[in-house]
Amino acid sequence: MNMIESLHVHELLIDYFEASLKAYRFCELVLRSVHQTRANYRRIQRVIKLSKKVKDCHAISRHLAAFASLTNPLSIISPVQFHDNHHSNMLLLGSLTLKCKKIRRRAKFNKLLKKVGGYSLVISHSALIVAMLVLLLHSLVGIVAAPGFMTCCLVLLKRRIKLVRRGLKTSLLERRLSQLDAAAKGVYILINDFNTISRMVKRLNDEVEHRKDVANMCVRNGKSEILKEVLKEFHIHESSFLEQLKELEEHIYLCFLTINRSRRLVLQEIMTSQN
């Protein structure tokens, strides 16, 4: 971030790097929650294995009670956090998109002016050549018209300098556009990734809460028949639950890669412009 700020880039690019860093840290939080959720669920797996070997309902109830008392790791990531993150990214995307549109219009206008100026130069040069031929044929008149001729040359020179400067300005605008456009694409992908992560976290959070409620109910009831049914239900849905955890974990890793790739592309655009 210190390097980016020292390059004097557009403030929206600094906002982009801050937003992507925030997203990276948010993904780290979700990933730690996934790992802890998997670790907590191993208690249920041990209970299922224990029930096949031991018929001691009290021992099994103690393990279930221990699981029910654990804090749901996914509950520390509230829907409000996802909503706030989504809202801030949408605002940033809107600002980047609007700025890109303005730069495109400005660059297009500069190119139009350059083209019109080019035609004017061609006409002016043609007129100048004709004037020079006339002056050569009428040398005495040429001596009298010399001051006007020099003035005309100066005007054409100034016009040429303006066209060169406008061309440089257009080139700078195009480089700025490339930077902001790369940042906008990165934010757009980030929004989609986080929408997917949000849905997956909510679904898994509900699954964990359901298991905790069922385990707690089973412990309070204390009947062996209910205990067997609960363990049977856990066993049936075990593979599905673990698969959902794995999918969320893989999507977070993919999000890490996407963030890094987008940041690298934006940084490359900035360094190319600096060079």
Protein backbone atom coordinates (compact mmCIF):
# COMPACT_ATOMS: atom_id res chain seq x y z
CA MET A 1 0.00 0.00 0.00
CA ASN A 2 2.89 2.37 0.74
CA MET A 3 4.33 1.70 -2.71
CA ILE A 4 0.96 2.29 -4.41
CA GLU A 5 0.47 5.60 -2.59
CA SER A 6 4.01 6.71 -3.52
CA LEU A 7 3.21 6.21 -7.22
CA HIS A 8 0.53 8.92 -7.06
CA VAL A 9 -2.13 6.78 -8.74
CA HIS A 10 -5.82 7.64 -8.92
CA GLU A 11 -7.55 7.55 -5.53
CA LEU A 12 -10.03 4.93 -6.79
CA LEU A 13 -7.12 2.54 -7.37
CA ILE A 14 -6.05 3.01 -3.75
CA ASP A 15 -9.65 2.26 -2.73
CA TYR A 16 -9.51 -0.89 -4.86
CA PHE A 17 -6.35 -2.18 -3.21
CA GLU A 18 -7.78 -1.47 0.23
CA ALA A 19 -11.04 -3.25 -0.65
CA SER A 20 -9.21 -6.30 -2.05
CA LEU A 21 -7.01 -6.46 1.06
CA LYS A 22 -10.13 -6.31 3.24
CA ALA A 23 -11.67 -9.12 1.16
CA TYR A 24 -8.50 -11.20 1.56
CA ARG A 25 -8.65 -10.88 5.35
CA PHE A 26 -12.36 -11.68 5.33
CA CYS A 27 -11.63 -14.87 3.40
CA GLU A 28 -9.01 -15.78 6.02
CA LEU A 29 -11.68 -15.42 8.72
CA VAL A 30 -14.10 -17.66 6.84
CA LEU A 31 -11.38 -20.25 6.20
CA ARG A 32 -10.46 -20.42 9.90
CA SER A 33 -14.16 -20.90 10.71
CA VAL A 34 -14.37 -23.77 8.22
CA HIS A 35 -11.36 -25.50 9.76
CA GLN A 36 -12.79 -25.10 13.28
CA THR A 37 -16.20 -26.37 12.14
CA ARG A 38 -14.55 -29.48 10.74
CA ALA A 39 -12.61 -29.97 13.98
CA ASN A 40 -15.80 -29.61 16.05
CA TYR A 41 -17.65 -32.10 13.88
CA ARG A 42 -15.04 -34.76 14.65
CA ARG A 43 -16.77 -35.08 18.03
CA ILE A 44 -19.90 -36.27 16.23
CA GLN A 45 -17.84 -38.70 14.17
CA ARG A 46 -16.33 -40.11 17.36
CA VAL A 47 -19.80 -40.49 18.89
CA ILE A 48 -21.01 -42.40 15.82
CA LYS A 49 -18.00 -44.76 16.03
CA LEU A 50 -18.46 -45.12 19.80
CA SER A 51 -22.12 -46.06 19.40
CA LYS A 52 -21.14 -49.01 17.20
CA LYS A 53 -18.79 -50.41 19.84
CA VAL A 54 -20.28 -49.34 23.18
CA LYS A 55 -23.93 -49.38 24.25
CA ASP A 56 -23.36 -46.97 27.14
CA CYS A 57 -25.94 -44.25 26.51
CA HIS A 58 -24.55 -42.02 29.28
CA ALA A 59 -21.09 -41.89 27.69
CA ILE A 60 -22.60 -41.11 24.28
CA SER A 61 -24.81 -38.40 25.84
CA ARG A 62 -21.77 -36.74 27.38
CA HIS A 63 -20.08 -36.49 23.98
CA LEU A 64 -23.24 -35.08 22.43
CA ALA A 65 -23.56 -32.56 25.26
CA ALA A 66 -19.96 -31.48 24.70
CA PHE A 67 -20.70 -30.97 21.00
CA ALA A 68 -23.91 -29.01 21.71
CA SER A 69 -22.03 -26.68 24.10
CA LEU A 70 -19.46 -25.70 21.46
CA THR A 71 -19.77 -22.30 19.81
CA ASN A 72 -20.69 -22.45 16.14
CA PRO A 73 -17.53 -21.13 14.40
CA LEU A 74 -19.55 -19.94 11.41
CA SER A 75 -21.79 -17.76 13.59
CA ILE A 76 -18.99 -15.21 14.07
CA ILE A 77 -19.48 -14.26 10.39
CA SER A 78 -22.79 -12.42 10.48
CA PRO A 79 -25.00 -11.70 7.46
CA VAL A 80 -24.55 -8.01 8.31
CA GLN A 81 -20.83 -8.31 7.59
CA PHE A 82 -21.53 -9.84 4.18
CA HIS A 83 -24.13 -7.16 3.47
CA ASP A 84 -21.79 -4.30 4.43
CA ASN A 85 -18.98 -5.79 2.38
CA HIS A 86 -21.30 -6.24 -0.62
CA HIS A 87 -22.60 -2.66 -0.29
CA SER A 88 -19.12 -1.09 -0.12
CA ASN A 89 -17.91 -3.14 -3.11
CA MET A 90 -20.98 -2.15 -5.14
CA LEU A 91 -20.30 1.53 -4.41
CA LEU A 92 -16.67 1.10 -5.47
CA LEU A 93 -17.69 -0.71 -8.66
CA GLY A 94 -20.14 2.08 -9.47
CA SER A 95 -17.47 4.74 -8.97
CA LEU A 96 -14.94 2.85 -11.11
CA THR A 97 -17.48 2.24 -13.88
CA LEU A 98 -18.56 5.89 -13.92
CA LYS A 99 -14.96 7.11 -14.02
CA CYS A 100 -14.16 4.73 -16.91
CA LYS A 101 -17.12 6.08 -18.89
CA LYS A 102 -15.99 9.67 -18.36
CA ILE A 103 -12.43 8.88 -19.44
CA ARG A 104 -13.67 7.04 -22.55
CA ARG A 105 -15.79 10.04 -23.55
CA ARG A 106 -12.89 12.42 -22.93
CA ALA A 107 -10.41 10.29 -24.89
CA LYS A 108 -12.89 9.96 -27.76
CA PHE A 109 -13.40 13.72 -27.81
CA ASN A 110 -9.62 14.33 -27.86
CA LYS A 111 -9.21 11.90 -30.76
CA LEU A 112 -11.96 13.74 -32.65
CA LEU A 113 -10.24 17.07 -32.05
CA LYS A 114 -6.93 15.60 -33.16
CA LYS A 115 -8.51 14.30 -36.37
CA VAL A 116 -10.15 17.68 -37.10
CA GLY A 117 -6.86 19.41 -36.30
CA GLY A 118 -5.06 17.08 -38.67
CA TYR A 119 -7.38 17.99 -41.52
CA SER A 120 -6.89 21.67 -40.72
CA LEU A 121 -3.11 21.25 -40.88
CA VAL A 122 -3.33 19.58 -44.27
CA ILE A 123 -5.42 22.45 -45.61
CA SER A 124 -3.13 25.04 -43.98
CA HIS A 125 0.01 23.38 -45.38
CA SER A 126 -1.53 23.25 -48.84
CA ALA A 127 -2.39 26.93 -48.66
CA LEU A 128 1.14 27.69 -47.43
CA ILE A 129 2.73 25.86 -50.37
CA VAL A 130 0.56 27.79 -52.82
CA ALA A 131 1.48 31.04 -51.07
CA MET A 132 5.19 30.20 -51.25
CA LEU A 133 4.95 29.50 -54.98
CA VAL A 134 3.22 32.83 -55.52
CA LEU A 135 5.85 34.63 -53.44
CA LEU A 136 8.67 33.03 -55.39
CA LEU A 137 7.11 34.24 -58.61
CA HIS A 138 6.70 37.74 -57.23
CA SER A 139 9.88 38.29 -55.21
CA LEU A 140 9.23 41.97 -54.59
CA VAL A 141 5.82 41.15 -53.17
CA GLY A 142 7.48 38.39 -51.12
CA ILE A 143 9.75 40.91 -49.41
CA VAL A 144 6.74 42.98 -48.40
CA ALA A 145 4.75 39.91 -47.27
CA ALA A 146 7.62 38.36 -45.24
CA PRO A 147 6.28 39.46 -41.82
CA GLY A 148 2.86 37.99 -42.55
CA PHE A 149 4.47 34.83 -43.86
CA MET A 150 6.48 34.38 -40.61
CA THR A 151 3.33 34.94 -38.55
CA CYS A 152 1.53 32.25 -40.52
CA CYS A 153 4.39 29.82 -39.89
CA LEU A 154 4.32 30.53 -36.17
CA VAL A 155 0.55 29.93 -36.01
CA LEU A 156 0.96 26.59 -37.76
CA LEU A 157 3.80 25.64 -35.42
CA LYS A 158 1.71 26.43 -32.33
CA ARG A 159 -1.17 24.41 -33.73
CA ARG A 160 1.14 21.46 -34.31
CA ILE A 161 2.44 21.66 -30.70
CA LYS A 162 -1.14 21.67 -29.40
CA LEU A 163 -1.94 18.55 -31.43
CA VAL A 164 1.13 16.76 -30.05
CA ARG A 165 0.18 17.69 -26.50
CA ARG A 166 -3.39 16.55 -27.07
CA GLY A 167 -2.07 13.24 -28.39
CA LEU A 168 0.04 12.77 -25.25
CA LYS A 169 -2.96 13.65 -23.10
CA THR A 170 -5.08 11.05 -24.90
CA SER A 171 -2.35 8.45 -24.38
CA LEU A 172 -2.29 9.20 -20.64
CA LEU A 173 -6.08 8.91 -20.50
CA GLU A 174 -5.93 5.52 -22.21
CA ARG A 175 -3.37 4.25 -19.69
CA ARG A 176 -5.48 5.54 -16.81
CA LEU A 177 -8.50 3.85 -18.37
CA SER A 178 -6.64 0.50 -18.52
CA GLN A 179 -5.81 0.75 -14.82
CA LEU A 180 -9.33 1.62 -13.70
CA ASP A 181 -10.91 -0.92 -16.03
CA ALA A 182 -8.73 -3.71 -14.60
CA ALA A 183 -9.71 -2.64 -11.07
CA ALA A 184 -13.42 -2.57 -12.00
CA LYS A 185 -13.23 -6.12 -13.40
CA GLY A 186 -11.49 -7.27 -10.21
CA VAL A 187 -14.22 -5.77 -8.01
CA TYR A 188 -16.97 -7.28 -10.18
CA ILE A 189 -15.48 -10.78 -9.85
CA LEU A 190 -14.98 -10.22 -6.12
CA ILE A 191 -18.65 -9.32 -5.65
CA ASN A 192 -19.77 -12.51 -7.41
CA ASP A 193 -17.35 -14.67 -5.39
CA PHE A 194 -18.52 -13.20 -2.10
CA ASN A 195 -22.18 -13.64 -3.01
CA THR A 196 -21.46 -17.35 -3.50
CA ILE A 197 -19.48 -17.59 -0.24
CA SER A 198 -22.27 -15.80 1.63
CA ARG A 199 -24.87 -18.34 0.47
CA MET A 200 -22.61 -21.29 1.30
CA VAL A 201 -21.77 -19.94 4.78
CA LYS A 202 -25.45 -19.36 5.57
CA ARG A 203 -26.40 -22.88 4.51
CA LEU A 204 -23.61 -24.46 6.54
CA ASN A 205 -24.32 -22.24 9.54
CA ASP A 206 -27.93 -23.45 9.54
CA GLU A 207 -26.73 -27.07 9.29
CA VAL A 208 -24.43 -26.68 12.30
CA GLU A 209 -27.15 -24.99 14.36
CA HIS A 210 -29.56 -27.79 13.47
CA ARG A 211 -27.09 -30.43 14.62
CA LYS A 212 -26.44 -28.57 17.85
CA ASP A 213 -30.19 -28.28 18.53
CA VAL A 214 -30.78 -31.97 17.80
CA ALA A 215 -27.85 -33.03 20.01
CA ASN A 216 -29.07 -30.77 22.82
CA MET A 217 -32.61 -32.14 22.55
CA CYS A 218 -31.27 -35.69 22.62
CA VAL A 219 -29.24 -35.02 25.77
CA ARG A 220 -32.20 -33.41 27.55
CA ASN A 221 -34.54 -36.27 26.63
CA GLY A 222 -32.09 -39.01 27.61
CA LYS A 223 -34.01 -41.87 25.93
CA SER A 224 -31.91 -44.49 24.15
CA GLU A 225 -34.42 -44.78 21.25
CA ILE A 226 -34.13 -41.09 20.45
CA LEU A 227 -30.37 -41.30 20.85
CA LYS A 228 -30.20 -44.05 18.23
CA GLU A 229 -32.38 -42.09 15.78
CA VAL A 230 -30.26 -38.96 16.22
CA LEU A 231 -27.02 -40.83 15.61
CA LYS A 232 -28.59 -42.51 12.58
CA GLU A 233 -29.57 -39.11 11.16
CA PHE A 234 -26.08 -37.74 11.77
CA HIS A 235 -24.53 -40.73 10.04
CA ILE A 236 -26.84 -40.43 7.00
CA HIS A 237 -26.09 -36.74 6.45
CA GLU A 238 -22.41 -36.87 7.43
CA SER A 239 -20.97 -37.14 3.92
CA SER A 240 -23.23 -34.35 2.61
CA PHE A 241 -22.20 -32.00 5.43
CA LEU A 242 -18.49 -32.67 5.00
CA GLU A 243 -18.82 -32.22 1.23
CA GLN A 244 -20.40 -28.79 1.76
CA LEU A 245 -17.50 -27.83 4.03
CA LYS A 246 -15.04 -28.94 1.37
CA GLU A 247 -16.83 -26.96 -1.36
CA LEU A 248 -16.77 -23.80 0.76
CA GLU A 249 -13.08 -24.29 1.53
CA GLU A 250 -12.23 -24.78 -2.16
CA HIS A 251 -14.23 -21.70 -3.13
CA ILE A 252 -12.33 -19.62 -0.57
CA TYR A 253 -9.02 -20.82 -2.04
CA LEU A 254 -10.31 -19.89 -5.49
CA CYS A 255 -11.26 -16.45 -4.15
CA PHE A 256 -7.71 -16.02 -2.79
CA LEU A 257 -6.30 -16.78 -6.24
CA THR A 258 -8.77 -14.42 -7.93
CA ILE A 259 -7.89 -11.56 -5.58
CA ASN A 260 -4.16 -12.07 -6.15
CA ARG A 261 -4.58 -12.30 -9.91
CA SER A 262 -6.67 -9.12 -10.08
CA ARG A 263 -4.28 -7.17 -7.86
CA ARG A 264 -1.35 -8.30 -9.98
CA LEU A 265 -3.06 -7.19 -13.21
CA VAL A 266 -3.87 -3.76 -11.82
CA LEU A 267 -0.34 -3.37 -10.50
CA GLN A 268 1.09 -4.35 -13.89
CA GLU A 269 -1.02 -1.65 -15.56
CA ILE A 270 0.25 0.91 -13.04
CA MET A 271 3.90 -0.06 -13.48
CA THR A 272 3.58 -0.03 -17.28
CA SER A 273 2.17 3.47 -17.09
CA GLN A 274 4.97 4.59 -14.74
CA ASN A 275 7.60 3.22 -17.11
